[in-house]
Amino acid sequence: MGILEGKTILVTGIITESSIAYDVARLAQEQGANVVVTGFGRGLSITQKVAKKLPKEAPVIELDVSDQSQLDSLAERLKPFVTQLDGVLHSIGYAPQSALGGNFLHTPWEDVAVALQISAFSLKSLSVACLPLMQPGSSIVGLTFDASIAWPIYDWMGVAKAAFESTCRYLARDLGPKGIRVNLVAAGPIGSMAAKSIPDFHRIEAIWDERAPIGWDTKDAEPSARTCIGLMSDWFPKTTGEIVHCDGGVHAVAG
């Protein structure tokens, strides 16, 4: 039996097979879970194609976390595929190009607001939307990029991740009485489509090449996905509001 045997997991953020979200979906199925996937906008058809490459094709439903009507109807739209949700993966982030790449002092509020809504506030939005299908023992896991320091070129996305991490703690406080855990995985850089949209992403990758004590492969999302799977399992029953680092140890050593 796998560690997610009999559980149902909702996975957001799958665009390509190189994403952490894809490996979470794949490993969840391998560990016995029923998986449902969400897709967004013009990328919905791409997500549907990628979902067919999982060990077992997963149903895909549309979800735009900036569309309140889609959030309000999410639980109802999930019911043909699930009776409950035991785990939810938040793997959603976006910032306009003006908010990245060294433009920190000149990014307009309108673009910052988009980054904050999609990359931080959406953790609360998604959690509340899924709440009707969750029960004591359920787990929400989000993916972050260590927001404790200012990274090169990451700019307002780094600020959004700091808000994201704070949102996790407040959700852990408010959902804890319902028996629902909320945790984050601070993953090292993965060369996914999302990462490649960040200008000069190679500057961040170089930090891991130089500093990771046990090494880091930007082409291998599985270590980060395994960490997510662990947090969704019953092996962390009293862990909530936590940020678990899966970054080859970079967060722990000086540059």
Protein backbone atom coordinates (compact mmCIF):
# COMPACT_ATOMS: atom_id res chain seq x y z
CA MET A 1 0.00 0.00 0.00
CA GLY A 2 1.15 3.53 -0.79
CA ILE A 3 1.19 6.31 1.79
CA LEU A 4 -1.73 8.04 0.03
CA GLU A 5 -3.81 4.88 -0.43
CA GLY A 6 -7.51 5.75 -0.68
CA LYS A 7 -6.98 9.51 -0.59
CA THR A 8 -8.17 12.02 -3.15
CA ILE A 9 -5.81 14.84 -4.12
CA LEU A 10 -6.46 18.04 -6.08
CA VAL A 11 -3.40 19.26 -7.98
CA THR A 12 -3.17 22.75 -9.45
CA GLY A 13 -0.47 24.24 -11.64
CA ILE A 14 0.37 21.47 -14.10
CA ILE A 15 1.50 22.91 -17.42
CA THR A 16 4.31 20.59 -18.51
CA GLU A 17 5.88 17.34 -17.37
CA SER A 18 8.84 19.33 -16.01
CA SER A 19 6.77 20.97 -13.28
CA ILE A 20 6.79 19.97 -9.62
CA ALA A 21 2.99 19.78 -9.81
CA TYR A 22 3.17 17.06 -12.48
CA ASP A 23 5.50 14.95 -10.35
CA VAL A 24 3.20 15.44 -7.35
CA ALA A 25 0.27 14.14 -9.40
CA ARG A 26 2.32 11.22 -10.71
CA LEU A 27 3.69 10.23 -7.32
CA ALA A 28 0.30 10.66 -5.67
CA GLN A 29 -1.17 8.14 -8.09
CA GLU A 30 1.74 5.79 -7.56
CA GLN A 31 1.13 6.06 -3.82
CA GLY A 32 -2.51 5.07 -4.20
CA ALA A 33 -4.34 8.39 -4.51
CA ASN A 34 -7.13 9.43 -6.82
CA VAL A 35 -6.00 12.65 -8.53
CA VAL A 36 -7.96 15.51 -10.06
CA VAL A 37 -6.12 18.31 -11.89
CA THR A 38 -7.01 21.92 -12.61
CA GLY A 39 -6.12 23.97 -15.67
CA PHE A 40 -6.43 27.61 -16.55
CA GLY A 41 -7.43 29.69 -19.56
CA ARG A 42 -5.53 29.10 -22.77
CA GLY A 43 -3.36 26.55 -20.97
CA LEU A 44 -6.33 24.32 -20.18
CA SER A 45 -5.93 22.24 -23.34
CA ILE A 46 -2.21 21.82 -22.60
CA THR A 47 -2.99 20.62 -19.08
CA GLN A 48 -5.49 18.14 -20.50
CA LYS A 49 -2.84 16.70 -22.82
CA VAL A 50 -0.27 16.44 -20.03
CA ALA A 51 -2.81 14.82 -17.68
CA LYS A 52 -3.11 11.96 -20.17
CA LYS A 53 0.59 11.18 -19.61
CA LEU A 54 0.10 10.41 -15.92
CA PRO A 55 0.13 6.72 -14.91
CA LYS A 56 -3.66 7.01 -14.91
CA GLU A 57 -5.31 9.79 -16.89
CA ALA A 58 -6.67 12.36 -14.45
CA PRO A 59 -9.81 14.46 -14.96
CA VAL A 60 -9.12 18.15 -15.55
CA ILE A 61 -11.41 20.97 -14.46
CA GLU A 62 -11.02 24.67 -15.17
CA LEU A 63 -9.96 26.98 -12.36
CA ASP A 64 -8.96 30.62 -12.58
CA VAL A 65 -8.12 31.68 -9.01
CA SER A 66 -8.84 35.31 -9.90
CA ASP A 67 -12.41 34.42 -10.94
CA GLN A 68 -14.65 34.33 -7.87
CA SER A 69 -17.45 32.56 -9.72
CA GLN A 70 -15.13 29.68 -10.58
CA LEU A 71 -13.92 29.51 -6.98
CA ASP A 72 -17.48 29.56 -5.64
CA SER A 73 -18.49 26.68 -7.93
CA LEU A 74 -15.32 24.61 -7.50
CA ALA A 75 -16.62 22.19 -4.87
CA GLU A 76 -19.76 21.52 -6.90
CA ARG A 77 -17.79 21.01 -10.12
CA LEU A 78 -15.52 18.53 -8.34
CA LYS A 79 -18.39 16.35 -7.10
CA PRO A 80 -18.65 14.22 -10.27
CA PHE A 81 -15.06 13.09 -9.61
CA VAL A 82 -14.66 13.10 -5.82
CA THR A 83 -16.68 12.71 -2.64
CA GLN A 84 -14.06 14.47 -0.52
CA LEU A 85 -10.61 16.04 -0.75
CA ASP A 86 -7.83 14.70 1.45
CA GLY A 87 -5.12 16.86 -0.07
CA VAL A 88 -4.76 20.03 -2.13
CA LEU A 89 -1.59 21.18 -3.88
CA HIS A 90 -1.28 24.92 -4.51
CA SER A 91 1.23 25.36 -7.31
CA ILE A 92 0.08 28.69 -8.72
CA GLY A 93 2.09 31.84 -9.27
CA TYR A 94 2.25 34.70 -11.70
CA ALA A 95 3.77 38.16 -11.92
CA PRO A 96 3.76 40.52 -14.91
CA GLN A 97 7.15 40.96 -16.54
CA SER A 98 7.42 44.49 -15.14
CA ALA A 99 7.49 42.97 -11.64
CA LEU A 100 10.57 40.84 -12.37
CA GLY A 101 14.09 41.14 -13.66
CA GLY A 102 15.50 44.08 -11.70
CA ASN A 103 12.63 46.51 -12.18
CA PHE A 104 11.67 46.55 -8.50
CA LEU A 105 11.75 50.33 -8.01
CA HIS A 106 9.66 51.02 -11.09
CA THR A 107 6.93 48.36 -11.00
CA PRO A 108 3.47 49.99 -10.91
CA TRP A 109 1.01 49.01 -8.21
CA GLU A 110 -1.39 47.54 -10.76
CA ASP A 111 1.18 44.87 -11.66
CA VAL A 112 2.19 44.29 -8.04
CA ALA A 113 -1.49 43.77 -7.17
CA VAL A 114 -1.76 41.05 -9.84
CA ALA A 115 1.31 39.27 -8.46
CA LEU A 116 -0.06 39.40 -4.91
CA GLN A 117 -3.52 38.18 -5.87
CA ILE A 118 -2.42 35.27 -8.04
CA SER A 119 0.66 34.24 -6.07
CA ALA A 120 -0.38 34.85 -2.45
CA PHE A 121 -4.06 35.61 -1.89
CA SER A 122 -4.95 32.61 -4.04
CA LEU A 123 -3.76 30.26 -1.28
CA LYS A 124 -6.62 31.53 0.88
CA SER A 125 -9.03 31.57 -2.08
CA LEU A 126 -8.25 27.99 -3.08
CA SER A 127 -8.38 26.74 0.51
CA VAL A 128 -11.80 28.29 1.14
CA ALA A 129 -13.12 26.98 -2.19
CA CYS A 130 -12.05 23.43 -1.29
CA LEU A 131 -13.23 23.60 2.32
CA PRO A 132 -16.69 22.07 1.71
CA LEU A 133 -15.01 18.84 0.55
CA MET A 134 -12.31 18.68 3.24
CA GLN A 135 -12.46 16.98 6.62
CA PRO A 136 -10.28 16.46 9.70
CA GLY A 137 -6.95 15.03 8.56
CA SER A 138 -6.95 16.81 5.20
CA SER A 139 -3.79 18.61 4.10
CA ILE A 140 -3.12 21.71 2.02
CA VAL A 141 0.41 22.04 0.63
CA GLY A 142 1.79 25.02 -1.26
CA LEU A 143 5.03 25.55 -3.15
CA THR A 144 7.18 28.53 -2.25
CA PHE A 145 10.63 29.89 -3.01
CA ASP A 146 12.41 30.92 0.20
CA ALA A 147 11.23 34.48 0.87
CA SER A 148 13.52 35.14 3.83
CA ILE A 149 16.07 36.94 1.64
CA ALA A 150 16.01 39.17 -1.45
CA TRP A 151 17.00 37.13 -4.52
CA PRO A 152 18.46 38.57 -7.73
CA ILE A 153 15.80 39.42 -10.36
CA TYR A 154 12.94 37.85 -8.33
CA ASP A 155 11.72 41.25 -7.16
CA TRP A 156 7.97 41.53 -6.51
CA MET A 157 7.46 37.79 -6.87
CA GLY A 158 9.71 37.48 -3.84
CA VAL A 159 7.45 39.92 -1.99
CA ALA A 160 4.44 37.87 -3.09
CA LYS A 161 6.09 34.71 -1.78
CA ALA A 162 6.65 36.39 1.58
CA ALA A 163 2.92 37.17 1.69
CA PHE A 164 2.23 33.60 0.59
CA GLU A 165 4.26 32.23 3.49
CA SER A 166 2.47 34.48 5.96
CA THR A 167 -0.89 33.43 4.49
CA CYS A 168 0.05 29.81 5.19
CA ARG A 169 0.56 30.57 8.87
CA TYR A 170 -2.79 32.37 9.21
CA LEU A 171 -4.58 29.56 7.38
CA ALA A 172 -2.93 27.04 9.68
CA ARG A 173 -4.32 29.04 12.61
CA ASP A 174 -7.86 29.29 11.24
CA LEU A 175 -8.18 25.82 9.70
CA GLY A 176 -6.44 23.99 12.54
CA PRO A 177 -9.63 23.75 14.62
CA LYS A 178 -11.21 21.95 11.66
CA GLY A 179 -8.35 19.42 11.70
CA ILE A 180 -6.90 20.68 8.40
CA ARG A 181 -3.14 21.12 8.08
CA VAL A 182 -1.54 23.84 5.92
CA ASN A 183 2.16 23.67 5.06
CA LEU A 184 4.58 24.85 2.41
CA VAL A 185 7.54 23.31 0.62
CA ALA A 186 10.35 25.75 -0.15
CA ALA A 187 11.80 24.13 -3.24
CA GLY A 188 15.02 24.94 -4.98
CA PRO A 189 14.84 26.21 -8.57
CA ILE A 190 13.38 23.87 -11.18
CA GLY A 191 13.70 24.63 -14.89
CA SER A 192 9.97 24.57 -15.52
CA MET A 193 8.05 26.75 -17.96
CA ALA A 194 7.19 29.12 -15.10
CA ALA A 195 10.84 29.50 -14.12
CA LYS A 196 11.90 30.13 -17.69
CA SER A 197 9.52 33.09 -17.82
CA ILE A 198 11.71 34.83 -15.21
CA PRO A 199 14.34 37.03 -16.90
CA ASP A 200 17.92 35.82 -16.35
CA PHE A 201 16.72 32.79 -14.39
CA HIS A 202 20.21 31.31 -14.83
CA ARG A 203 21.45 33.77 -12.18
CA ILE A 204 19.34 32.00 -9.57
CA GLU A 205 20.31 28.55 -10.85
CA ALA A 206 23.99 29.51 -10.47
CA ILE A 207 23.51 30.08 -6.74
CA TRP A 208 22.46 26.44 -6.32
CA ASP A 209 25.33 25.20 -8.47
CA GLU A 210 27.76 26.93 -6.11
CA ARG A 211 26.14 26.49 -2.71
CA ALA A 212 24.00 23.36 -2.39
CA PRO A 213 25.86 21.10 0.10
CA ILE A 214 24.27 17.90 -1.24
CA GLY A 215 23.87 19.16 -4.78
CA TRP A 216 20.83 20.23 -6.76
CA ASP A 217 19.51 19.27 -10.17
CA THR A 218 17.25 21.91 -11.72
CA LYS A 219 15.92 19.27 -14.12
CA ASP A 220 14.71 16.95 -11.35
CA ALA A 221 11.42 17.94 -9.70
CA GLU A 222 10.92 14.64 -7.92
CA PRO A 223 12.68 15.49 -4.61
CA SER A 224 10.38 18.49 -4.12
CA ALA A 225 7.35 16.45 -5.17
CA ARG A 226 8.23 13.71 -2.69
CA THR A 227 8.31 16.30 0.08
CA CYS A 228 4.81 17.45 -0.89
CA ILE A 229 3.57 13.86 -0.91
CA GLY A 230 4.99 13.32 2.56
CA LEU A 231 3.15 16.35 3.92
CA MET A 232 -0.10 15.15 2.35
CA SER A 233 0.25 11.75 3.98
CA ASP A 234 -0.69 10.76 7.52
CA TRP A 235 2.97 10.77 8.56
CA PHE A 236 2.85 14.46 9.56
CA PRO A 237 -0.38 14.50 11.60
CA LYS A 238 0.54 17.43 13.85
CA THR A 239 2.67 19.52 11.49
CA THR A 240 1.01 22.72 10.31
CA GLY A 241 2.06 26.27 9.51
CA GLU A 242 5.48 24.90 8.56
CA ILE A 243 7.86 25.63 5.69
CA VAL A 244 9.84 22.52 4.79
CA HIS A 245 12.93 23.23 2.72
CA CYS A 246 13.79 20.93 -0.16
CA ASP A 247 16.63 22.89 -1.74
CA GLY A 248 19.80 20.86 -1.36
CA GLY A 249 20.59 22.77 1.84
CA VAL A 250 21.14 26.19 0.27
CA HIS A 251 18.92 27.90 2.87
CA ALA A 252 21.23 26.68 5.66
CA VAL A 253 24.64 27.83 4.42
CA ALA A 254 26.23 31.19 3.82
CA GLY A 255 27.15 32.32 0.34
